[in-house]
Amino acid sequence: MNLRPYLNRFVIIGALVIAGILILITLILIGWTSPRLSPDVGFAPADLTVIPAPTHTPAATAIPTLDPLAATQTLDPNAININGYVQITGTGGDGLRIRSAPGLNSETVFRGEESEVFIVKDGPQTADGYTWWYLVAPYDDTRAGWAASEFLAVVPTP
């Protein structure tokens, strides 16, 4: 089969012109007519605070001890105390429900992650068979609520 009569310069130039027109139409319909993003959006960096998880400390009790030689009460460093630091532990990675009030029937405010560190601000209160402490995240005052002490471990003050 001889294709030479069909492949002359007029056919090749015509094919290139048609291809150019099709590319131009495609650019006009797709590329140039799409809406542009507003340039005034700007850049908003996110703040991320990483608090390293301390080593594991056994579950703490909430009983302060008395020093017989001192006139004031001495707090057990392994016990949960007001203004002390605790971390969530023993949830198997599921996290801990932080509640709006002590007790299992109160509303869940948020879920604290395993090894997340909090400052103890109030407590203890007993409800539903658990001892509850009011916790506040040191990096975000909005992350605050009541947690059961069975899932808290005392960590040293940074």
N, C-alpha and C. Protein backbone atom coordinates (compact mmCIF):
# COMPACT_ATOMS: atom_id res chain seq x y z
N MET A 1 0.84 -1.17 0.00
CA MET A 1 0.00 0.00 0.00
C MET A 1 0.89 1.24 0.00
N ASN A 2 0.60 2.15 -0.86
CA ASN A 2 1.40 3.34 -1.03
C ASN A 2 0.69 4.53 -0.37
N LEU A 3 1.30 5.08 0.70
CA LEU A 3 0.72 6.21 1.43
C LEU A 3 1.31 7.55 0.99
N ARG A 4 2.25 7.51 0.11
CA ARG A 4 2.94 8.73 -0.30
C ARG A 4 1.98 9.80 -0.83
N PRO A 5 0.96 9.47 -1.61
CA PRO A 5 0.08 10.54 -2.11
C PRO A 5 -0.72 11.20 -0.99
N TYR A 6 -0.92 10.50 0.14
CA TYR A 6 -1.71 11.07 1.23
C TYR A 6 -0.86 11.87 2.23
N LEU A 7 0.45 11.70 2.17
CA LEU A 7 1.33 12.38 3.11
C LEU A 7 2.12 13.48 2.41
N ASN A 8 1.42 14.43 1.89
CA ASN A 8 2.10 15.57 1.28
C ASN A 8 2.15 16.72 2.28
N ARG A 9 2.78 17.78 1.93
CA ARG A 9 2.96 18.89 2.87
C ARG A 9 1.65 19.57 3.25
N PHE A 10 0.66 19.59 2.37
CA PHE A 10 -0.62 20.21 2.70
C PHE A 10 -1.38 19.43 3.78
N VAL A 11 -1.30 18.12 3.71
CA VAL A 11 -1.97 17.27 4.72
C VAL A 11 -1.29 17.45 6.07
N ILE A 12 0.03 17.46 6.10
CA ILE A 12 0.77 17.60 7.35
C ILE A 12 0.54 18.98 7.96
N ILE A 13 0.60 20.02 7.17
CA ILE A 13 0.36 21.37 7.68
C ILE A 13 -1.09 21.50 8.16
N GLY A 14 -2.04 20.94 7.44
CA GLY A 14 -3.43 20.98 7.85
C GLY A 14 -3.66 20.26 9.18
N ALA A 15 -3.01 19.11 9.37
CA ALA A 15 -3.14 18.36 10.62
C ALA A 15 -2.55 19.15 11.78
N LEU A 16 -1.42 19.82 11.56
CA LEU A 16 -0.80 20.63 12.62
C LEU A 16 -1.67 21.84 12.97
N VAL A 17 -2.30 22.46 11.99
CA VAL A 17 -3.18 23.60 12.25
C VAL A 17 -4.41 23.15 13.04
N ILE A 18 -5.01 22.04 12.69
CA ILE A 18 -6.17 21.53 13.42
C ILE A 18 -5.78 21.16 14.85
N ALA A 19 -4.62 20.52 15.04
CA ALA A 19 -4.16 20.17 16.39
C ALA A 19 -3.92 21.43 17.22
N GLY A 20 -3.35 22.46 16.62
CA GLY A 20 -3.13 23.72 17.33
C GLY A 20 -4.43 24.38 17.74
N ILE A 21 -5.42 24.34 16.85
CA ILE A 21 -6.72 24.93 17.16
C ILE A 21 -7.38 24.16 18.31
N LEU A 22 -7.31 22.85 18.30
CA LEU A 22 -7.89 22.04 19.37
C LEU A 22 -7.20 22.30 20.72
N ILE A 23 -5.90 22.45 20.72
CA ILE A 23 -5.16 22.77 21.96
C ILE A 23 -5.56 24.16 22.46
N LEU A 24 -5.69 25.10 21.57
CA LEU A 24 -6.09 26.45 21.95
C LEU A 24 -7.51 26.45 22.55
N ILE A 25 -8.42 25.73 21.94
CA ILE A 25 -9.79 25.64 22.47
C ILE A 25 -9.78 24.98 23.84
N THR A 26 -8.99 23.93 24.02
CA THR A 26 -8.89 23.26 25.31
C THR A 26 -8.35 24.20 26.38
N LEU A 27 -7.33 24.97 26.07
CA LEU A 27 -6.78 25.91 27.04
C LEU A 27 -7.79 26.99 27.41
N ILE A 28 -8.53 27.44 26.44
CA ILE A 28 -9.52 28.48 26.72
C ILE A 28 -10.64 27.92 27.60
N LEU A 29 -11.15 26.74 27.28
CA LEU A 29 -12.28 26.19 28.02
C LEU A 29 -11.89 25.67 29.41
N ILE A 30 -10.74 25.11 29.56
CA ILE A 30 -10.36 24.50 30.84
C ILE A 30 -9.43 25.39 31.65
N GLY A 31 -8.36 25.80 31.08
CA GLY A 31 -7.32 26.49 31.82
C GLY A 31 -7.58 27.94 32.14
N TRP A 32 -8.03 28.69 31.17
CA TRP A 32 -8.14 30.13 31.36
C TRP A 32 -9.47 30.57 31.92
N THR A 33 -10.48 29.72 31.87
CA THR A 33 -11.79 30.13 32.37
C THR A 33 -12.07 29.64 33.79
N SER A 34 -11.17 28.87 34.40
CA SER A 34 -11.40 28.40 35.77
C SER A 34 -11.23 29.57 36.74
N PRO A 35 -12.01 29.59 37.83
CA PRO A 35 -11.91 30.72 38.78
C PRO A 35 -10.57 30.73 39.49
N ARG A 36 -10.09 31.88 39.73
CA ARG A 36 -8.81 32.06 40.44
C ARG A 36 -9.06 32.19 41.93
N LEU A 37 -8.11 31.71 42.76
CA LEU A 37 -8.20 31.87 44.21
C LEU A 37 -7.93 33.32 44.57
N SER A 38 -8.58 33.77 45.59
CA SER A 38 -8.40 35.14 46.05
C SER A 38 -6.99 35.30 46.61
N PRO A 39 -6.24 36.31 46.18
CA PRO A 39 -4.88 36.48 46.68
C PRO A 39 -4.82 37.01 48.11
N ASP A 40 -5.95 37.44 48.68
CA ASP A 40 -5.92 38.01 50.02
C ASP A 40 -6.11 36.96 51.11
N VAL A 41 -6.09 35.66 50.76
CA VAL A 41 -6.25 34.61 51.75
C VAL A 41 -5.07 34.63 52.71
N GLY A 42 -3.89 34.72 52.22
CA GLY A 42 -2.71 34.82 53.07
C GLY A 42 -2.28 33.48 53.64
N PHE A 43 -1.25 33.52 54.45
CA PHE A 43 -0.66 32.33 55.04
C PHE A 43 -0.96 32.32 56.53
N ALA A 44 -1.53 31.24 57.02
CA ALA A 44 -1.87 31.13 58.43
C ALA A 44 -1.14 29.92 59.02
N PRO A 45 0.01 30.12 59.65
CA PRO A 45 0.74 28.99 60.20
C PRO A 45 0.01 28.40 61.41
N ALA A 46 0.15 27.13 61.59
CA ALA A 46 -0.47 26.43 62.73
C ALA A 46 0.55 26.32 63.85
N ASP A 47 0.10 26.53 65.08
CA ASP A 47 0.96 26.37 66.24
C ASP A 47 0.83 24.95 66.74
N LEU A 48 1.94 24.29 66.94
CA LEU A 48 1.95 22.92 67.44
C LEU A 48 2.90 22.85 68.61
N THR A 49 2.38 22.41 69.74
CA THR A 49 3.20 22.25 70.92
C THR A 49 3.35 20.76 71.18
N VAL A 50 4.59 20.29 71.19
CA VAL A 50 4.85 18.88 71.44
C VAL A 50 5.37 18.75 72.86
N ILE A 51 4.67 17.97 73.66
CA ILE A 51 5.09 17.71 75.03
C ILE A 51 5.55 16.27 75.08
N PRO A 52 6.84 16.02 75.31
CA PRO A 52 7.31 14.64 75.32
C PRO A 52 6.71 13.87 76.49
N ALA A 53 6.38 12.63 76.22
CA ALA A 53 5.81 11.77 77.26
C ALA A 53 6.92 11.32 78.20
N PRO A 54 6.76 11.54 79.50
CA PRO A 54 7.76 11.08 80.44
C PRO A 54 7.69 9.56 80.60
N THR A 55 8.64 9.03 81.34
CA THR A 55 8.65 7.59 81.58
C THR A 55 7.44 7.19 82.39
N HIS A 56 7.08 5.93 82.29
CA HIS A 56 5.89 5.44 82.97
C HIS A 56 6.10 5.43 84.48
N THR A 57 5.10 5.92 85.18
CA THR A 57 5.08 5.91 86.64
C THR A 57 3.88 5.09 87.07
N PRO A 58 4.03 4.23 88.06
CA PRO A 58 2.88 3.43 88.48
C PRO A 58 1.71 4.31 88.90
N ALA A 59 0.50 3.75 88.82
CA ALA A 59 -0.70 4.50 89.20
C ALA A 59 -0.55 5.03 90.62
N ALA A 60 -0.94 6.27 90.79
CA ALA A 60 -0.74 6.96 92.06
C ALA A 60 -2.01 6.92 92.89
N THR A 61 -1.83 7.01 94.18
CA THR A 61 -2.97 7.11 95.09
C THR A 61 -3.17 8.57 95.45
N ALA A 62 -4.32 8.89 95.97
CA ALA A 62 -4.66 10.28 96.28
C ALA A 62 -4.61 10.55 97.78
N ILE A 63 -3.74 9.86 98.50
CA ILE A 63 -3.69 10.01 99.95
C ILE A 63 -2.41 10.75 100.34
N PRO A 64 -2.53 11.97 100.87
CA PRO A 64 -1.33 12.67 101.35
C PRO A 64 -0.85 12.06 102.66
N THR A 65 0.46 12.13 102.87
CA THR A 65 1.03 11.59 104.11
C THR A 65 1.41 12.74 105.04
N LEU A 66 1.43 12.45 106.31
CA LEU A 66 1.81 13.45 107.31
C LEU A 66 3.24 13.18 107.77
N ASP A 67 4.01 14.25 107.86
CA ASP A 67 5.36 14.16 108.38
C ASP A 67 5.28 14.45 109.88
N PRO A 68 5.60 13.46 110.76
CA PRO A 68 5.45 13.69 112.19
C PRO A 68 6.42 14.75 112.74
N LEU A 69 7.51 15.02 112.04
CA LEU A 69 8.49 15.99 112.52
C LEU A 69 8.17 17.42 112.07
N ALA A 70 7.36 17.54 111.06
CA ALA A 70 7.03 18.87 110.53
C ALA A 70 5.66 19.29 111.02
N ALA A 71 5.50 20.61 111.12
CA ALA A 71 4.21 21.14 111.56
C ALA A 71 3.22 21.19 110.40
N THR A 72 3.73 21.14 109.19
CA THR A 72 2.85 21.20 108.02
C THR A 72 2.77 19.83 107.36
N GLN A 73 1.79 19.67 106.52
CA GLN A 73 1.56 18.41 105.83
C GLN A 73 2.53 18.28 104.66
N THR A 74 3.11 17.09 104.46
CA THR A 74 4.00 16.82 103.35
C THR A 74 3.24 15.95 102.34
N LEU A 75 3.32 16.34 101.07
CA LEU A 75 2.60 15.61 100.04
C LEU A 75 3.48 14.51 99.47
N ASP A 76 2.88 13.36 99.26
CA ASP A 76 3.57 12.21 98.67
C ASP A 76 3.87 12.53 97.21
N PRO A 77 5.14 12.43 96.78
CA PRO A 77 5.47 12.77 95.38
C PRO A 77 4.87 11.78 94.39
N ASN A 78 4.44 10.59 94.84
CA ASN A 78 3.83 9.62 93.94
C ASN A 78 2.31 9.68 93.97
N ALA A 79 1.74 10.66 94.67
CA ALA A 79 0.29 10.81 94.77
C ALA A 79 -0.17 11.99 93.91
N ILE A 80 -1.40 11.92 93.45
CA ILE A 80 -1.97 13.02 92.67
C ILE A 80 -2.26 14.17 93.64
N ASN A 81 -1.77 15.35 93.30
CA ASN A 81 -1.93 16.53 94.14
C ASN A 81 -2.36 17.71 93.27
N ILE A 82 -3.02 18.69 93.91
CA ILE A 82 -3.40 19.91 93.21
C ILE A 82 -2.12 20.59 92.71
N ASN A 83 -2.16 21.11 91.48
CA ASN A 83 -1.05 21.74 90.77
C ASN A 83 0.06 20.78 90.41
N GLY A 84 -0.18 19.47 90.57
CA GLY A 84 0.77 18.46 90.13
C GLY A 84 0.46 18.07 88.69
N TYR A 85 1.38 17.33 88.09
CA TYR A 85 1.22 16.90 86.70
C TYR A 85 0.90 15.41 86.67
N VAL A 86 -0.03 15.05 85.79
CA VAL A 86 -0.39 13.65 85.57
C VAL A 86 -0.45 13.40 84.07
N GLN A 87 -0.33 12.13 83.72
CA GLN A 87 -0.50 11.76 82.32
C GLN A 87 -1.51 10.62 82.24
N ILE A 88 -2.18 10.55 81.12
CA ILE A 88 -3.15 9.49 80.89
C ILE A 88 -2.39 8.20 80.58
N THR A 89 -2.80 7.13 81.25
CA THR A 89 -2.13 5.84 81.05
C THR A 89 -3.14 4.71 81.25
N GLY A 90 -2.84 3.57 80.67
CA GLY A 90 -3.65 2.38 80.89
C GLY A 90 -4.92 2.32 80.06
N THR A 91 -5.01 3.09 78.98
CA THR A 91 -6.23 3.05 78.15
C THR A 91 -6.05 2.16 76.93
N GLY A 92 -4.88 1.57 76.78
CA GLY A 92 -4.63 0.72 75.61
C GLY A 92 -4.62 1.49 74.31
N GLY A 93 -4.31 2.78 74.36
CA GLY A 93 -4.27 3.60 73.15
C GLY A 93 -5.62 4.17 72.75
N ASP A 94 -6.69 3.83 73.48
CA ASP A 94 -8.02 4.33 73.15
C ASP A 94 -8.26 5.75 73.63
N GLY A 95 -7.48 6.23 74.57
CA GLY A 95 -7.68 7.55 75.13
C GLY A 95 -8.67 7.50 76.29
N LEU A 96 -8.82 8.63 76.96
CA LEU A 96 -9.66 8.72 78.16
C LEU A 96 -10.70 9.81 77.96
N ARG A 97 -11.95 9.49 78.29
CA ARG A 97 -13.02 10.49 78.19
C ARG A 97 -12.85 11.49 79.34
N ILE A 98 -12.69 12.75 78.99
CA ILE A 98 -12.63 13.82 79.97
C ILE A 98 -14.03 14.42 80.04
N ARG A 99 -14.58 14.48 81.26
CA ARG A 99 -16.00 14.80 81.42
C ARG A 99 -16.21 16.19 82.02
N SER A 100 -17.44 16.69 81.88
CA SER A 100 -17.79 18.03 82.36
C SER A 100 -17.98 18.06 83.87
N ALA A 101 -18.24 16.91 84.49
CA ALA A 101 -18.43 16.81 85.94
C ALA A 101 -18.00 15.41 86.36
N PRO A 102 -17.67 15.21 87.65
CA PRO A 102 -17.30 13.88 88.10
C PRO A 102 -18.47 12.91 87.93
N GLY A 103 -18.20 11.73 87.43
CA GLY A 103 -19.24 10.72 87.29
C GLY A 103 -19.34 10.21 85.86
N LEU A 104 -19.77 8.96 85.74
CA LEU A 104 -19.87 8.32 84.43
C LEU A 104 -21.04 8.83 83.59
N ASN A 105 -22.01 9.46 84.21
CA ASN A 105 -23.18 9.94 83.49
C ASN A 105 -23.04 11.37 82.98
N SER A 106 -21.95 12.04 83.33
CA SER A 106 -21.78 13.42 82.87
C SER A 106 -21.28 13.43 81.42
N GLU A 107 -21.48 14.56 80.78
CA GLU A 107 -21.15 14.71 79.36
C GLU A 107 -19.64 14.64 79.12
N THR A 108 -19.25 13.95 78.05
CA THR A 108 -17.84 13.89 77.65
C THR A 108 -17.49 15.19 76.93
N VAL A 109 -16.47 15.89 77.45
CA VAL A 109 -16.04 17.17 76.86
C VAL A 109 -15.09 16.93 75.70
N PHE A 110 -14.13 16.02 75.88
CA PHE A 110 -13.18 15.65 74.83
C PHE A 110 -12.52 14.34 75.23
N ARG A 111 -11.72 13.79 74.35
CA ARG A 111 -11.01 12.55 74.64
C ARG A 111 -9.52 12.86 74.75
N GLY A 112 -8.95 12.58 75.93
CA GLY A 112 -7.52 12.76 76.13
C GLY A 112 -6.76 11.58 75.56
N GLU A 113 -5.65 11.85 74.92
CA GLU A 113 -4.85 10.80 74.29
C GLU A 113 -3.95 10.10 75.31
N GLU A 114 -3.60 8.87 75.03
CA GLU A 114 -2.68 8.10 75.86
C GLU A 114 -1.37 8.88 75.97
N SER A 115 -0.83 9.02 77.17
CA SER A 115 0.42 9.72 77.50
C SER A 115 0.30 11.24 77.44
N GLU A 116 -0.89 11.78 77.23
CA GLU A 116 -1.07 13.24 77.24
C GLU A 116 -0.94 13.73 78.68
N VAL A 117 -0.29 14.87 78.87
CA VAL A 117 0.02 15.40 80.20
C VAL A 117 -0.94 16.53 80.54
N PHE A 118 -1.39 16.55 81.81
CA PHE A 118 -2.32 17.57 82.30
C PHE A 118 -1.85 18.07 83.67
N ILE A 119 -2.37 19.25 84.06
CA ILE A 119 -2.15 19.80 85.39
C ILE A 119 -3.42 19.57 86.19
N VAL A 120 -3.28 19.09 87.42
CA VAL A 120 -4.42 18.85 88.30
C VAL A 120 -4.81 20.18 88.93
N LYS A 121 -6.08 20.59 88.77
CA LYS A 121 -6.54 21.88 89.30
C LYS A 121 -7.56 21.73 90.43
N ASP A 122 -8.24 20.58 90.55
CA ASP A 122 -9.25 20.41 91.58
C ASP A 122 -9.45 18.92 91.84
N GLY A 123 -10.00 18.62 92.99
CA GLY A 123 -10.31 17.24 93.34
C GLY A 123 -9.68 16.91 94.67
N PRO A 124 -9.79 15.75 95.12
CA PRO A 124 -10.51 14.63 94.53
C PRO A 124 -11.99 14.67 94.88
N GLN A 125 -12.80 14.08 94.02
CA GLN A 125 -14.21 13.86 94.29
C GLN A 125 -14.52 12.41 93.92
N THR A 126 -15.38 11.79 94.69
CA THR A 126 -15.73 10.39 94.46
C THR A 126 -17.12 10.32 93.85
N ALA A 127 -17.25 9.54 92.78
CA ALA A 127 -18.55 9.34 92.12
C ALA A 127 -18.48 8.06 91.30
N ASP A 128 -19.53 7.28 91.34
CA ASP A 128 -19.66 6.04 90.56
C ASP A 128 -18.51 5.07 90.79
N GLY A 129 -17.95 5.05 91.99
CA GLY A 129 -16.89 4.11 92.31
C GLY A 129 -15.50 4.54 91.87
N TYR A 130 -15.36 5.74 91.39
CA TYR A 130 -14.06 6.26 90.94
C TYR A 130 -13.72 7.53 91.71
N THR A 131 -12.43 7.81 91.79
CA THR A 131 -11.95 9.09 92.32
C THR A 131 -11.65 9.98 91.13
N TRP A 132 -12.23 11.18 91.13
CA TRP A 132 -12.15 12.08 89.98
C TRP A 132 -11.30 13.30 90.29
N TRP A 133 -10.54 13.75 89.31
CA TRP A 133 -9.69 14.93 89.40
C TRP A 133 -10.00 15.84 88.23
N TYR A 134 -9.97 17.16 88.52
CA TYR A 134 -10.20 18.14 87.45
C TYR A 134 -8.84 18.46 86.82
N LEU A 135 -8.73 18.24 85.50
CA LEU A 135 -7.47 18.40 84.78
C LEU A 135 -7.57 19.53 83.76
N VAL A 136 -6.43 20.21 83.56
CA VAL A 136 -6.32 21.25 82.53
C VAL A 136 -5.03 20.99 81.76
N ALA A 137 -5.11 21.04 80.44
CA ALA A 137 -3.91 20.87 79.61
C ALA A 137 -3.01 22.09 79.78
N PRO A 138 -1.70 21.89 79.97
CA PRO A 138 -0.81 23.03 80.19
C PRO A 138 -0.64 23.92 78.96
N TYR A 139 -0.98 23.42 77.79
CA TYR A 139 -0.81 24.17 76.56
C TYR A 139 -2.11 24.74 76.00
N ASP A 140 -3.28 24.35 76.62
CA ASP A 140 -4.56 24.80 76.09
C ASP A 140 -5.60 24.77 77.21
N ASP A 141 -6.00 25.95 77.72
CA ASP A 141 -6.96 26.02 78.82
C ASP A 141 -8.34 25.49 78.46
N THR A 142 -8.64 25.38 77.17
CA THR A 142 -9.95 24.86 76.77
C THR A 142 -10.02 23.34 76.89
N ARG A 143 -8.89 22.67 76.99
CA ARG A 143 -8.87 21.22 77.20
C ARG A 143 -8.85 20.97 78.70
N ALA A 144 -10.04 20.97 79.30
CA ALA A 144 -10.16 20.82 80.75
C ALA A 144 -11.40 20.02 81.07
N GLY A 145 -11.30 19.22 82.15
CA GLY A 145 -12.45 18.44 82.59
C GLY A 145 -12.05 17.44 83.65
N TRP A 146 -13.00 16.59 84.03
CA TRP A 146 -12.81 15.62 85.11
C TRP A 146 -12.41 14.27 84.54
N ALA A 147 -11.44 13.61 85.21
CA ALA A 147 -10.96 12.30 84.78
C ALA A 147 -10.83 11.38 85.98
N ALA A 148 -11.02 10.10 85.75
CA ALA A 148 -10.90 9.10 86.81
C ALA A 148 -9.43 8.82 87.10
N SER A 149 -9.07 8.75 88.39
CA SER A 149 -7.67 8.60 88.78
C SER A 149 -7.08 7.25 88.39
N GLU A 150 -7.92 6.24 88.13
CA GLU A 150 -7.41 4.92 87.75
C GLU A 150 -6.65 4.95 86.44
N PHE A 151 -6.87 5.99 85.64
CA PHE A 151 -6.19 6.10 84.35
C PHE A 151 -5.19 7.26 84.33
N LEU A 152 -4.75 7.68 85.51
CA LEU A 152 -3.79 8.78 85.61
C LEU A 152 -2.54 8.31 86.34
N ALA A 153 -1.40 8.78 85.91
CA ALA A 153 -0.13 8.49 86.58
C ALA A 153 0.58 9.81 86.85
N VAL A 154 1.16 9.93 88.02
CA VAL A 154 1.89 11.14 88.39
C VAL A 154 3.18 11.22 87.59
N VAL A 155 3.47 12.41 87.07
CA VAL A 155 4.73 12.65 86.36
C VAL A 155 5.42 13.83 87.05
N PRO A 156 6.75 13.90 86.96
CA PRO A 156 7.45 15.00 87.61
C PRO A 156 7.11 16.34 86.98
N THR A 157 7.14 17.38 87.78
CA THR A 157 6.89 18.73 87.31
C THR A 157 8.03 19.13 86.37
N PRO A 158 7.68 19.64 85.18
CA PRO A 158 8.76 20.01 84.23
C PRO A 158 9.57 21.18 84.72
